[in-house]
């Protein structure tokens, strides 16, 4: 994978992020994230995202099928790239944070692909065996399919919580699996799922 400084346009590093002073309190962030004003704004953004989105099912090895949503940016004559988004445990491609991130990326000129892990969203009927955090092969295979699609710009993967864990593992496996990835981002990744589960309990 290339460093963000080699990408055109350059992308920021995690170390570059600093929230506004008034937003640095995590409790305030939690309260604001569920406020009625934010929910109304998210509904409007979700409607805009839906207008440029096509739902599809990816067919992978061993009969595995995963649901995805491909959104095509309309902001620029030529896109900056494609970003594959992975949700957290028990979230889905339609989670608020996935919709909000998609809307921001689309406005910035990136195509977006939101992937549902198996048994998430309304994809329960697609596979017989249940989801668990060791199903890296199918997520990597989905990433390979998505990133191989034609189009200009970088190929990036980003995930939230358990999705961040998958994003890091897919990025690590990308060279060996021939996945064309330029950039990876993990937001609050669950590095040790067992320890994370104990914290939740």
Protein backbone atom coordinates (compact mmCIF):
# COMPACT_ATOMS: atom_id res chain seq x y z
CA UNK A 1 0.00 0.00 0.00
CA UNK A 2 1.20 3.47 -0.75
CA UNK A 3 1.46 6.21 1.82
CA UNK A 4 -1.17 8.94 1.85
CA UNK A 5 1.38 11.47 0.60
CA UNK A 6 1.63 9.55 -2.67
CA UNK A 7 -2.10 9.79 -3.32
CA UNK A 8 -3.48 12.54 -5.52
CA UNK A 9 -5.09 14.46 -3.88
CA UNK A 10 -3.12 13.77 -0.66
CA UNK A 11 -5.13 12.29 2.18
CA UNK A 12 -4.68 13.20 5.85
CA UNK A 13 -3.16 10.84 8.37
CA UNK A 14 -4.91 9.89 11.61
CA UNK A 15 -2.32 11.93 13.52
CA UNK A 16 -3.43 15.03 11.60
CA UNK A 17 -6.98 14.90 13.02
CA UNK A 18 -7.85 17.24 15.86
CA UNK A 19 -11.53 17.92 16.63
CA UNK A 20 -12.62 21.46 17.48
CA UNK A 21 -12.00 22.31 21.13
CA UNK A 22 -15.71 22.30 21.97
CA UNK A 23 -16.09 18.78 20.53
CA UNK A 24 -13.23 17.09 22.39
CA UNK A 25 -15.38 15.82 25.25
CA UNK A 26 -16.43 12.24 24.35
CA UNK A 27 -19.66 12.47 26.38
CA UNK A 28 -20.71 15.58 24.45
CA UNK A 29 -19.94 13.78 21.19
CA UNK A 30 -22.18 10.88 22.26
CA UNK A 31 -25.05 13.21 23.16
CA UNK A 32 -24.79 15.22 19.96
CA UNK A 33 -24.64 12.08 17.83
CA UNK A 34 -28.17 11.15 18.94
CA UNK A 35 -29.70 14.64 18.94
CA UNK A 36 -32.94 15.25 17.02
CA UNK A 37 -31.28 17.92 14.86
CA UNK A 38 -28.56 15.50 13.77
CA UNK A 39 -31.10 12.76 13.06
CA UNK A 40 -33.05 15.11 10.80
CA UNK A 41 -29.87 16.08 8.94
CA UNK A 42 -28.92 12.41 8.57
CA UNK A 43 -32.32 11.58 7.09
CA UNK A 44 -31.81 14.25 4.44
CA UNK A 45 -28.31 12.99 3.67
CA UNK A 46 -29.52 9.38 3.48
CA UNK A 47 -32.11 10.40 0.89
CA UNK A 48 -29.41 12.07 -1.21
CA UNK A 49 -27.17 9.01 -0.92
CA UNK A 50 -30.04 6.72 -1.96
CA UNK A 51 -30.53 8.69 -5.18
CA UNK A 52 -27.07 7.69 -6.47
CA UNK A 53 -26.93 4.17 -4.99
CA UNK A 54 -27.43 0.73 -6.51
CA UNK A 55 -27.93 -2.34 -4.30
CA UNK A 56 -26.33 -5.59 -5.41
CA UNK A 57 -25.19 -9.02 -4.24
CA UNK A 58 -21.55 -10.08 -4.63
CA UNK A 59 -21.11 -13.76 -5.53
CA UNK A 60 -17.93 -15.15 -3.95
CA UNK A 61 -16.21 -18.54 -3.67
CA UNK A 62 -17.95 -21.49 -1.96
CA UNK A 63 -21.36 -19.99 -2.71
CA UNK A 64 -20.93 -17.08 -0.32
CA UNK A 65 -23.06 -14.04 -1.13
CA UNK A 66 -22.61 -10.60 0.43
CA UNK A 67 -24.84 -7.58 -0.01
CA UNK A 68 -23.40 -4.25 -1.05
CA UNK A 69 -24.44 -0.74 -2.03
CA UNK A 70 -22.51 1.15 -4.70
CA UNK A 71 -22.91 4.95 -4.72
CA UNK A 72 -21.55 7.04 -7.60
CA UNK A 73 -20.43 10.59 -6.89
CA UNK A 74 -21.92 13.44 -8.90
CA UNK A 75 -19.83 16.29 -7.46
CA UNK A 76 -16.92 16.20 -9.92
CA UNK A 77 -16.43 15.43 -13.63
CA UNK A 78 -14.03 12.63 -12.59
CA UNK A 79 -13.99 10.91 -9.23
CA UNK A 80 -11.07 11.07 -6.81
CA UNK A 81 -11.41 7.36 -6.13
CA UNK A 82 -13.48 4.59 -4.53
CA UNK A 83 -13.89 4.00 -0.80
CA UNK A 84 -15.09 0.66 0.58
CA UNK A 85 -16.85 1.15 3.95
CA UNK A 86 -17.25 -1.58 6.59
CA UNK A 87 -19.73 -1.21 9.44
CA UNK A 88 -19.35 -2.34 13.04
CA UNK A 89 -20.70 -5.42 14.80
CA UNK A 90 -24.52 -5.54 14.63
CA UNK A 91 -24.48 -2.39 12.49
CA UNK A 92 -25.20 -2.38 8.78
CA UNK A 93 -24.57 -0.50 5.57
CA UNK A 94 -27.53 1.70 6.56
CA UNK A 95 -26.21 2.67 10.01
CA UNK A 96 -26.20 6.42 10.63
CA UNK A 97 -22.40 6.66 10.67
CA UNK A 98 -22.18 4.76 7.38
CA UNK A 99 -24.75 7.03 5.74
CA UNK A 100 -23.11 10.20 7.10
CA UNK A 101 -19.64 9.10 5.98
CA UNK A 102 -20.97 8.14 2.55
CA UNK A 103 -22.60 11.55 2.12
CA UNK A 104 -19.34 13.34 3.02
CA UNK A 105 -17.28 11.19 0.66
CA UNK A 106 -19.73 11.65 -2.20
CA UNK A 107 -19.67 15.42 -1.75
CA UNK A 108 -15.85 15.27 -1.81
CA UNK A 109 -15.86 13.42 -5.14
CA UNK A 110 -15.42 9.77 -4.09
CA UNK A 111 -17.52 6.81 -5.12
CA UNK A 112 -18.56 4.72 -2.11
CA UNK A 113 -19.22 1.02 -1.65
CA UNK A 114 -20.95 0.03 1.61
CA UNK A 115 -20.62 -3.68 2.33
CA UNK A 116 -22.89 -5.63 4.66
CA UNK A 117 -21.13 -8.40 6.54
CA UNK A 118 -22.96 -11.70 6.36
CA UNK A 119 -26.10 -11.73 8.59
CA UNK A 120 -26.15 -7.93 8.85
CA UNK A 121 -28.76 -5.58 7.45
CA UNK A 122 -31.38 -7.57 5.57
CA UNK A 123 -28.89 -10.15 4.27
CA UNK A 124 -29.70 -13.05 6.63
CA UNK A 125 -31.20 -15.20 3.87
CA UNK A 126 -28.11 -15.04 1.65
CA UNK A 127 -25.95 -17.57 3.54
CA UNK A 128 -26.50 -20.65 5.71
CA UNK A 129 -23.59 -20.33 8.13
CA UNK A 130 -23.57 -17.44 10.65
CA UNK A 131 -21.24 -14.46 10.77
CA UNK A 132 -18.18 -14.35 13.02
CA UNK A 133 -15.08 -12.18 13.19
CA UNK A 134 -12.81 -14.78 11.57
CA UNK A 135 -14.54 -14.56 8.18
CA UNK A 136 -11.70 -12.54 6.69
CA UNK A 137 -11.53 -14.52 3.44
CA UNK A 138 -14.97 -13.50 2.23
CA UNK A 139 -14.52 -9.85 3.19
CA UNK A 140 -11.14 -9.78 1.43
CA UNK A 141 -12.69 -11.45 -1.62
CA UNK A 142 -15.44 -8.83 -1.65
CA UNK A 143 -12.82 -6.07 -1.36
CA UNK A 144 -10.90 -7.58 -4.29
CA UNK A 145 -14.02 -7.57 -6.46
CA UNK A 146 -14.97 -4.01 -5.55
CA UNK A 147 -11.45 -2.59 -5.90
CA UNK A 148 -10.96 -4.27 -9.29
CA UNK A 149 -13.77 -2.25 -10.85
CA UNK A 150 -12.74 0.31 -13.46
CA UNK A 151 -12.51 3.96 -12.57
CA UNK A 152 -10.06 6.72 -11.79
CA UNK A 153 -8.36 7.52 -8.52
CA UNK A 154 -7.33 5.69 -5.40
CA UNK A 155 -8.84 2.58 -3.84
CA UNK A 156 -9.37 2.88 -0.09
CA UNK A 157 -10.95 0.83 2.68
CA UNK A 158 -12.33 2.23 5.93
CA UNK A 159 -14.11 0.58 8.83
CA UNK A 160 -15.72 1.35 12.15
CA UNK A 161 -15.20 -0.70 15.33
CA UNK A 162 -15.20 -4.37 14.22
CA UNK A 163 -15.28 -3.07 10.65
CA UNK A 164 -12.06 -1.23 11.47
CA UNK A 165 -10.57 -4.55 12.55
CA UNK A 166 -11.55 -6.07 9.19
CA UNK A 167 -10.24 -3.03 7.30
CA UNK A 168 -6.81 -3.39 8.90
CA UNK A 169 -6.68 -7.14 8.23
CA UNK A 170 -7.81 -6.74 4.62
CA UNK A 171 -5.18 -4.02 4.11
CA UNK A 172 -2.50 -6.28 5.61
CA UNK A 173 -3.54 -9.14 3.33
CA UNK A 174 -3.95 -6.95 0.23
CA UNK A 175 -0.49 -7.40 -1.35
CA UNK A 176 -0.55 -11.19 -1.05
CA UNK A 177 -4.12 -11.40 -2.36
CA UNK A 178 -3.59 -8.95 -5.20
CA UNK A 179 -6.11 -6.43 -3.86
CA UNK A 180 -5.54 -2.98 -5.34
CA UNK A 181 -5.61 -0.86 -2.17
CA UNK A 182 -3.91 2.50 -1.70
CA UNK A 183 -5.18 3.59 1.69
CA UNK A 184 -6.76 2.15 4.84
CA UNK A 185 -8.48 3.82 7.78
CA UNK A 186 -9.82 2.24 10.98
CA UNK A 187 -12.10 4.22 13.32
CA UNK A 188 -12.01 2.88 16.91
CA UNK A 189 -10.99 -0.59 15.69
CA UNK A 190 -11.61 -3.62 17.87
CA UNK A 191 -8.07 -5.03 17.80
CA UNK A 192 -8.89 -7.89 20.19
CA UNK A 193 -12.56 -8.92 19.69
CA UNK A 194 -12.59 -11.12 22.81
CA UNK A 195 -11.33 -8.28 25.00
CA UNK A 196 -13.79 -5.91 23.36
CA UNK A 197 -16.67 -8.26 24.13
CA UNK A 198 -15.61 -8.49 27.77
CA UNK A 199 -15.61 -4.68 27.98
CA UNK A 200 -19.14 -4.55 26.55
CA UNK A 201 -20.34 -7.08 29.11
